[in-house]
N, C-alpha and C. Protein backbone atom coordinates (compact mmCIF):
# COMPACT_ATOMS: atom_id res chain seq x y z
N UNK A 1 -65.92 -24.63 69.25
CA UNK A 1 -65.07 -24.79 68.09
C UNK A 1 -64.62 -23.41 67.63
N UNK A 2 -63.34 -23.31 67.34
CA UNK A 2 -62.78 -22.04 66.92
C UNK A 2 -63.31 -21.67 65.55
N UNK A 3 -63.78 -20.43 65.43
CA UNK A 3 -64.28 -19.94 64.15
C UNK A 3 -63.83 -18.52 63.91
N UNK A 4 -63.55 -18.22 62.66
CA UNK A 4 -63.26 -16.87 62.21
C UNK A 4 -64.24 -16.56 61.09
N UNK A 5 -64.96 -15.47 61.21
CA UNK A 5 -65.98 -15.13 60.22
C UNK A 5 -65.74 -13.71 59.71
N UNK A 6 -65.39 -13.62 58.43
CA UNK A 6 -65.14 -12.33 57.81
C UNK A 6 -66.43 -11.70 57.28
N UNK A 7 -66.43 -10.38 57.24
CA UNK A 7 -67.53 -9.64 56.64
C UNK A 7 -67.02 -8.29 56.19
N UNK A 8 -67.84 -7.58 55.43
CA UNK A 8 -67.49 -6.22 55.03
C UNK A 8 -67.02 -6.07 53.60
N UNK A 9 -66.86 -7.18 52.90
CA UNK A 9 -66.44 -7.08 51.51
C UNK A 9 -67.55 -6.51 50.64
N UNK A 10 -67.21 -6.22 49.40
CA UNK A 10 -68.20 -5.69 48.47
C UNK A 10 -67.54 -5.16 47.22
N UNK A 11 -68.31 -4.41 46.45
CA UNK A 11 -67.82 -3.82 45.20
C UNK A 11 -67.73 -2.31 45.37
N UNK A 12 -66.59 -1.76 45.03
CA UNK A 12 -66.38 -0.31 45.13
C UNK A 12 -65.61 0.16 43.91
N UNK A 13 -65.67 1.44 43.68
CA UNK A 13 -64.86 2.02 42.61
C UNK A 13 -63.47 2.33 43.12
N UNK A 14 -62.54 2.40 42.20
CA UNK A 14 -61.17 2.75 42.55
C UNK A 14 -61.16 4.08 43.31
N UNK A 15 -60.34 4.12 44.36
CA UNK A 15 -60.27 5.30 45.20
C UNK A 15 -61.17 5.23 46.42
N UNK A 16 -62.06 4.25 46.42
CA UNK A 16 -62.98 4.09 47.54
C UNK A 16 -62.37 3.37 48.72
N UNK A 17 -63.21 3.15 49.72
CA UNK A 17 -62.76 2.51 50.97
C UNK A 17 -63.72 1.40 51.38
N UNK A 18 -63.18 0.44 52.10
CA UNK A 18 -63.95 -0.62 52.73
C UNK A 18 -63.30 -0.95 54.05
N UNK A 19 -64.10 -1.43 54.99
CA UNK A 19 -63.54 -1.96 56.23
C UNK A 19 -64.01 -3.39 56.40
N UNK A 20 -63.03 -4.29 56.44
CA UNK A 20 -63.32 -5.69 56.66
C UNK A 20 -63.28 -5.99 58.15
N UNK A 21 -64.14 -6.91 58.57
CA UNK A 21 -64.16 -7.36 59.96
C UNK A 21 -64.00 -8.87 60.00
N UNK A 22 -63.40 -9.34 61.07
CA UNK A 22 -63.22 -10.77 61.29
C UNK A 22 -63.60 -11.06 62.74
N UNK A 23 -64.74 -11.69 62.92
CA UNK A 23 -65.23 -12.00 64.26
C UNK A 23 -64.73 -13.37 64.68
N UNK A 24 -64.11 -13.43 65.85
CA UNK A 24 -63.58 -14.69 66.38
C UNK A 24 -64.55 -15.29 67.39
N UNK A 25 -64.56 -16.61 67.44
CA UNK A 25 -65.49 -17.29 68.33
C UNK A 25 -65.06 -17.27 69.78
N UNK A 26 -63.79 -16.92 70.04
CA UNK A 26 -63.29 -16.86 71.39
C UNK A 26 -62.42 -15.64 71.59
N UNK A 27 -61.96 -15.44 72.82
CA UNK A 27 -61.17 -14.24 73.11
C UNK A 27 -59.68 -14.51 72.97
N UNK A 28 -59.28 -14.91 71.75
CA UNK A 28 -57.88 -15.25 71.55
C UNK A 28 -57.14 -14.29 70.65
N UNK A 29 -57.85 -13.36 70.01
CA UNK A 29 -57.16 -12.54 69.01
C UNK A 29 -56.11 -11.64 69.64
N UNK A 30 -56.24 -11.36 70.94
CA UNK A 30 -55.26 -10.51 71.59
C UNK A 30 -54.01 -11.29 71.99
N UNK A 31 -54.08 -12.61 71.95
CA UNK A 31 -53.01 -13.44 72.50
C UNK A 31 -52.10 -14.04 71.45
N UNK A 32 -52.44 -13.88 70.19
CA UNK A 32 -51.67 -14.53 69.15
C UNK A 32 -51.54 -13.64 67.92
N UNK A 33 -50.65 -14.02 67.04
CA UNK A 33 -50.49 -13.30 65.78
C UNK A 33 -51.74 -13.51 64.93
N UNK A 34 -52.30 -12.41 64.44
CA UNK A 34 -53.43 -12.46 63.53
C UNK A 34 -53.03 -11.82 62.20
N UNK A 35 -53.66 -12.25 61.13
CA UNK A 35 -53.29 -11.69 59.84
C UNK A 35 -54.44 -11.62 58.87
N UNK A 36 -54.27 -10.78 57.88
CA UNK A 36 -55.16 -10.73 56.73
C UNK A 36 -54.36 -11.16 55.50
N UNK A 37 -54.98 -12.02 54.71
CA UNK A 37 -54.40 -12.48 53.46
C UNK A 37 -55.40 -12.25 52.34
N UNK A 38 -54.94 -12.32 51.11
CA UNK A 38 -55.85 -12.22 49.98
C UNK A 38 -55.38 -13.15 48.86
N UNK A 39 -56.34 -13.53 48.05
CA UNK A 39 -56.03 -14.40 46.92
C UNK A 39 -56.89 -14.00 45.73
N UNK A 40 -56.22 -13.60 44.67
CA UNK A 40 -56.89 -13.26 43.42
C UNK A 40 -56.94 -14.50 42.52
N UNK A 41 -57.88 -14.56 41.60
CA UNK A 41 -57.97 -15.72 40.71
C UNK A 41 -56.66 -15.98 39.97
N UNK A 42 -56.21 -17.23 40.03
CA UNK A 42 -54.99 -17.60 39.32
C UNK A 42 -53.71 -17.21 40.02
N UNK A 43 -53.83 -16.64 41.21
CA UNK A 43 -52.63 -16.21 41.95
C UNK A 43 -52.56 -16.91 43.29
N UNK A 44 -51.37 -16.89 43.87
CA UNK A 44 -51.18 -17.49 45.18
C UNK A 44 -51.73 -16.57 46.27
N UNK A 45 -52.08 -17.19 47.40
CA UNK A 45 -52.52 -16.40 48.54
C UNK A 45 -51.33 -15.58 49.05
N UNK A 46 -51.57 -14.31 49.33
CA UNK A 46 -50.49 -13.45 49.79
C UNK A 46 -50.88 -12.73 51.07
N UNK A 47 -49.87 -12.48 51.86
CA UNK A 47 -50.08 -11.74 53.11
C UNK A 47 -50.37 -10.28 52.79
N UNK A 48 -51.34 -9.73 53.48
CA UNK A 48 -51.66 -8.31 53.37
C UNK A 48 -51.13 -7.56 54.59
N UNK A 49 -51.44 -8.07 55.77
CA UNK A 49 -51.04 -7.39 57.00
C UNK A 49 -51.07 -8.38 58.16
N UNK A 50 -50.23 -8.14 59.15
CA UNK A 50 -50.24 -8.96 60.35
C UNK A 50 -50.13 -8.08 61.58
N UNK A 51 -50.62 -8.62 62.70
CA UNK A 51 -50.52 -7.90 63.97
C UNK A 51 -50.26 -8.92 65.07
N UNK A 52 -49.12 -8.82 65.75
CA UNK A 52 -48.82 -9.74 66.83
C UNK A 52 -49.54 -9.33 68.11
N UNK A 53 -49.38 -10.15 69.13
CA UNK A 53 -50.06 -9.90 70.39
C UNK A 53 -49.68 -8.54 70.98
N UNK A 54 -48.42 -8.19 70.89
CA UNK A 54 -47.94 -6.96 71.51
C UNK A 54 -48.05 -5.74 70.62
N UNK A 55 -48.67 -5.90 69.46
CA UNK A 55 -48.76 -4.78 68.52
C UNK A 55 -47.55 -4.76 67.60
N UNK A 56 -47.44 -3.69 66.82
CA UNK A 56 -46.35 -3.62 65.86
C UNK A 56 -46.75 -4.26 64.56
N UNK A 57 -47.55 -3.60 63.79
CA UNK A 57 -48.13 -4.15 62.57
C UNK A 57 -47.13 -4.20 61.43
N UNK A 58 -47.36 -5.11 60.50
CA UNK A 58 -46.56 -5.19 59.29
C UNK A 58 -47.50 -5.28 58.09
N UNK A 59 -47.03 -4.77 56.96
CA UNK A 59 -47.85 -4.71 55.76
C UNK A 59 -47.06 -5.13 54.52
N UNK A 60 -47.79 -5.65 53.56
CA UNK A 60 -47.19 -5.87 52.26
C UNK A 60 -46.89 -4.51 51.64
N UNK A 61 -45.82 -4.44 50.87
CA UNK A 61 -45.44 -3.17 50.25
C UNK A 61 -46.57 -2.59 49.41
N UNK A 62 -47.33 -3.45 48.80
CA UNK A 62 -48.38 -2.99 47.88
C UNK A 62 -49.53 -2.28 48.58
N UNK A 63 -49.64 -2.43 49.90
CA UNK A 63 -50.76 -1.80 50.62
C UNK A 63 -50.30 -0.79 51.66
N UNK A 64 -49.02 -0.65 51.85
CA UNK A 64 -48.52 0.30 52.85
C UNK A 64 -49.04 1.70 52.59
N UNK A 65 -49.48 2.33 53.66
CA UNK A 65 -50.00 3.69 53.55
C UNK A 65 -51.46 3.75 53.13
N UNK A 66 -52.03 2.63 52.73
CA UNK A 66 -53.43 2.60 52.31
C UNK A 66 -54.30 1.73 53.23
N UNK A 67 -53.74 0.65 53.74
CA UNK A 67 -54.48 -0.29 54.58
C UNK A 67 -54.00 -0.18 56.02
N UNK A 68 -54.89 -0.52 56.95
CA UNK A 68 -54.54 -0.53 58.36
C UNK A 68 -55.22 -1.70 59.05
N UNK A 69 -54.42 -2.52 59.72
CA UNK A 69 -54.94 -3.64 60.49
C UNK A 69 -55.07 -3.22 61.94
N UNK A 70 -56.14 -3.65 62.58
CA UNK A 70 -56.34 -3.33 63.99
C UNK A 70 -57.23 -4.40 64.60
N UNK A 71 -57.37 -4.33 65.90
CA UNK A 71 -58.27 -5.29 66.56
C UNK A 71 -58.94 -4.63 67.74
N UNK A 72 -60.11 -5.13 68.07
CA UNK A 72 -60.83 -4.72 69.26
C UNK A 72 -60.95 -5.96 70.14
N UNK A 73 -60.14 -6.01 71.17
CA UNK A 73 -60.11 -7.21 72.01
C UNK A 73 -61.42 -7.40 72.77
N UNK A 74 -62.11 -6.31 73.07
CA UNK A 74 -63.37 -6.44 73.81
C UNK A 74 -64.46 -7.07 72.94
N UNK A 75 -64.30 -6.94 71.62
CA UNK A 75 -65.28 -7.51 70.70
C UNK A 75 -64.77 -8.76 70.01
N UNK A 76 -63.53 -9.16 70.34
CA UNK A 76 -62.91 -10.34 69.69
C UNK A 76 -62.97 -10.21 68.17
N UNK A 77 -62.64 -9.02 67.69
CA UNK A 77 -62.78 -8.74 66.27
C UNK A 77 -61.51 -8.11 65.70
N UNK A 78 -61.11 -8.60 64.56
CA UNK A 78 -59.98 -8.08 63.81
C UNK A 78 -60.52 -7.26 62.65
N UNK A 79 -59.84 -6.17 62.31
CA UNK A 79 -60.30 -5.29 61.24
C UNK A 79 -59.21 -5.08 60.20
N UNK A 80 -59.66 -4.71 59.01
CA UNK A 80 -58.74 -4.24 57.98
C UNK A 80 -59.41 -3.05 57.30
N UNK A 81 -58.91 -1.87 57.58
CA UNK A 81 -59.39 -0.66 56.93
C UNK A 81 -58.63 -0.50 55.62
N UNK A 82 -59.37 -0.41 54.54
CA UNK A 82 -58.75 -0.31 53.22
C UNK A 82 -59.17 1.00 52.55
N UNK A 83 -58.21 1.86 52.30
CA UNK A 83 -58.46 3.14 51.66
C UNK A 83 -57.75 3.22 50.32
N UNK A 84 -58.16 4.18 49.51
CA UNK A 84 -57.54 4.38 48.19
C UNK A 84 -57.42 3.07 47.43
N UNK A 85 -58.51 2.35 47.38
CA UNK A 85 -58.50 1.03 46.76
C UNK A 85 -58.20 1.12 45.27
N UNK A 86 -57.50 0.09 44.80
CA UNK A 86 -57.11 0.00 43.39
C UNK A 86 -57.69 -1.28 42.80
N UNK A 87 -57.77 -1.33 41.48
CA UNK A 87 -58.29 -2.52 40.82
C UNK A 87 -57.50 -3.76 41.20
N UNK A 88 -56.20 -3.59 41.40
CA UNK A 88 -55.35 -4.73 41.75
C UNK A 88 -55.56 -5.24 43.17
N UNK A 89 -56.37 -4.55 43.96
CA UNK A 89 -56.72 -5.04 45.28
C UNK A 89 -57.87 -6.05 45.22
N UNK A 90 -58.45 -6.23 44.06
CA UNK A 90 -59.55 -7.18 43.91
C UNK A 90 -59.08 -8.58 44.24
N UNK A 91 -59.77 -9.23 45.18
CA UNK A 91 -59.38 -10.56 45.64
C UNK A 91 -60.38 -11.03 46.69
N UNK A 92 -60.24 -12.29 47.05
CA UNK A 92 -60.92 -12.81 48.23
C UNK A 92 -59.99 -12.55 49.41
N UNK A 93 -60.53 -11.97 50.46
CA UNK A 93 -59.75 -11.63 51.64
C UNK A 93 -60.09 -12.58 52.79
N UNK A 94 -59.03 -13.06 53.45
CA UNK A 94 -59.18 -14.01 54.54
C UNK A 94 -58.48 -13.50 55.79
N UNK A 95 -59.08 -13.75 56.95
CA UNK A 95 -58.35 -13.53 58.18
C UNK A 95 -57.87 -14.87 58.70
N UNK A 96 -56.82 -14.83 59.51
CA UNK A 96 -56.19 -16.06 59.96
C UNK A 96 -55.51 -15.86 61.29
N UNK A 97 -55.39 -16.96 62.03
CA UNK A 97 -54.69 -16.96 63.31
C UNK A 97 -53.48 -17.90 63.23
N UNK A 98 -52.44 -17.56 63.98
CA UNK A 98 -51.20 -18.34 63.95
C UNK A 98 -51.44 -19.81 64.24
N UNK A 99 -50.75 -20.64 63.51
CA UNK A 99 -50.94 -22.09 63.61
C UNK A 99 -50.64 -22.63 65.01
N UNK A 100 -49.65 -22.03 65.69
CA UNK A 100 -49.21 -22.54 66.99
C UNK A 100 -49.57 -21.59 68.13
N UNK A 101 -50.41 -20.64 67.87
CA UNK A 101 -50.85 -19.67 68.87
C UNK A 101 -49.68 -18.86 69.42
N UNK A 102 -48.69 -18.61 68.59
CA UNK A 102 -47.56 -17.82 69.03
C UNK A 102 -47.97 -16.36 69.16
N UNK A 103 -47.43 -15.66 70.16
CA UNK A 103 -47.80 -14.24 70.33
C UNK A 103 -47.12 -13.34 69.32
N UNK A 104 -46.06 -13.84 68.68
CA UNK A 104 -45.37 -13.07 67.67
C UNK A 104 -45.72 -13.61 66.28
N UNK A 105 -45.46 -12.80 65.28
CA UNK A 105 -45.73 -13.21 63.91
C UNK A 105 -44.44 -13.76 63.29
N UNK A 106 -44.49 -14.96 62.79
CA UNK A 106 -43.30 -15.63 62.28
C UNK A 106 -43.34 -15.70 60.77
N UNK A 107 -42.90 -14.65 60.12
CA UNK A 107 -42.81 -14.67 58.66
C UNK A 107 -44.10 -14.31 57.97
N UNK A 108 -44.02 -14.27 56.64
CA UNK A 108 -45.15 -13.83 55.82
C UNK A 108 -45.95 -14.99 55.23
N UNK A 109 -45.44 -16.18 55.39
CA UNK A 109 -46.06 -17.30 54.69
C UNK A 109 -47.41 -17.68 55.28
N UNK A 110 -48.33 -18.01 54.40
CA UNK A 110 -49.64 -18.47 54.87
C UNK A 110 -49.53 -19.78 55.64
N UNK A 111 -48.46 -20.52 55.44
CA UNK A 111 -48.28 -21.80 56.14
C UNK A 111 -48.07 -21.61 57.63
N UNK A 112 -47.74 -20.38 58.07
CA UNK A 112 -47.58 -20.11 59.50
C UNK A 112 -48.92 -19.95 60.19
N UNK A 113 -49.98 -19.89 59.41
CA UNK A 113 -51.31 -19.67 59.97
C UNK A 113 -52.15 -20.93 59.76
N UNK A 114 -52.79 -21.38 60.83
CA UNK A 114 -53.50 -22.64 60.75
C UNK A 114 -55.00 -22.55 60.89
N UNK A 115 -55.50 -21.36 61.15
CA UNK A 115 -56.93 -21.18 61.36
C UNK A 115 -57.40 -20.06 60.44
N UNK A 116 -58.40 -20.37 59.64
CA UNK A 116 -58.82 -19.46 58.57
C UNK A 116 -60.33 -19.25 58.58
N UNK A 117 -60.72 -18.05 58.15
CA UNK A 117 -62.12 -17.80 57.90
C UNK A 117 -62.49 -18.25 56.50
N UNK A 118 -63.74 -18.03 56.13
CA UNK A 118 -64.22 -18.49 54.83
C UNK A 118 -63.95 -17.47 53.73
N UNK A 119 -63.59 -16.25 54.11
CA UNK A 119 -63.24 -15.24 53.13
C UNK A 119 -64.37 -14.29 52.81
N UNK A 120 -64.02 -13.09 52.38
CA UNK A 120 -65.00 -12.11 51.92
C UNK A 120 -64.44 -11.46 50.66
N UNK A 121 -65.28 -11.34 49.64
CA UNK A 121 -64.83 -10.87 48.34
C UNK A 121 -64.79 -9.35 48.28
N UNK A 122 -63.68 -8.84 47.76
CA UNK A 122 -63.53 -7.40 47.51
C UNK A 122 -63.30 -7.22 46.01
N UNK A 123 -64.12 -6.41 45.39
CA UNK A 123 -64.00 -6.14 43.97
C UNK A 123 -63.90 -4.64 43.76
N UNK A 124 -62.83 -4.21 43.12
CA UNK A 124 -62.59 -2.79 42.88
C UNK A 124 -62.61 -2.55 41.37
N UNK A 125 -63.49 -1.69 40.95
CA UNK A 125 -63.60 -1.38 39.53
C UNK A 125 -62.88 -0.08 39.22
N UNK A 126 -62.23 -0.06 38.08
CA UNK A 126 -61.45 1.13 37.71
C UNK A 126 -62.25 2.04 36.79
């Protein structure tokens, strides 16, 4: 059964760093679009970053220059390096795989992703 398991969340002060990991149950992360999303209380889930099969990452404007998405295909693991964290980055973070296993990333909407992890909480104090 396909599973995505996030880890690495926690509480940090503003300006700090965290690295999130997403372990996949199979060797598919290299073959399809993968993404990180986040959802703060009372807000809609929003795209943070995506990475298609062939590379070429995309980021939300709010995290450009601070966050970096990457993957290690040998470990079937997706990462999100988060630097210069701000209080507004506080949210539950989720990794996800494309709904149709497409190698490219089709838009920013969470509806394009059909496989989700359980999430890991990131709390940034100012």
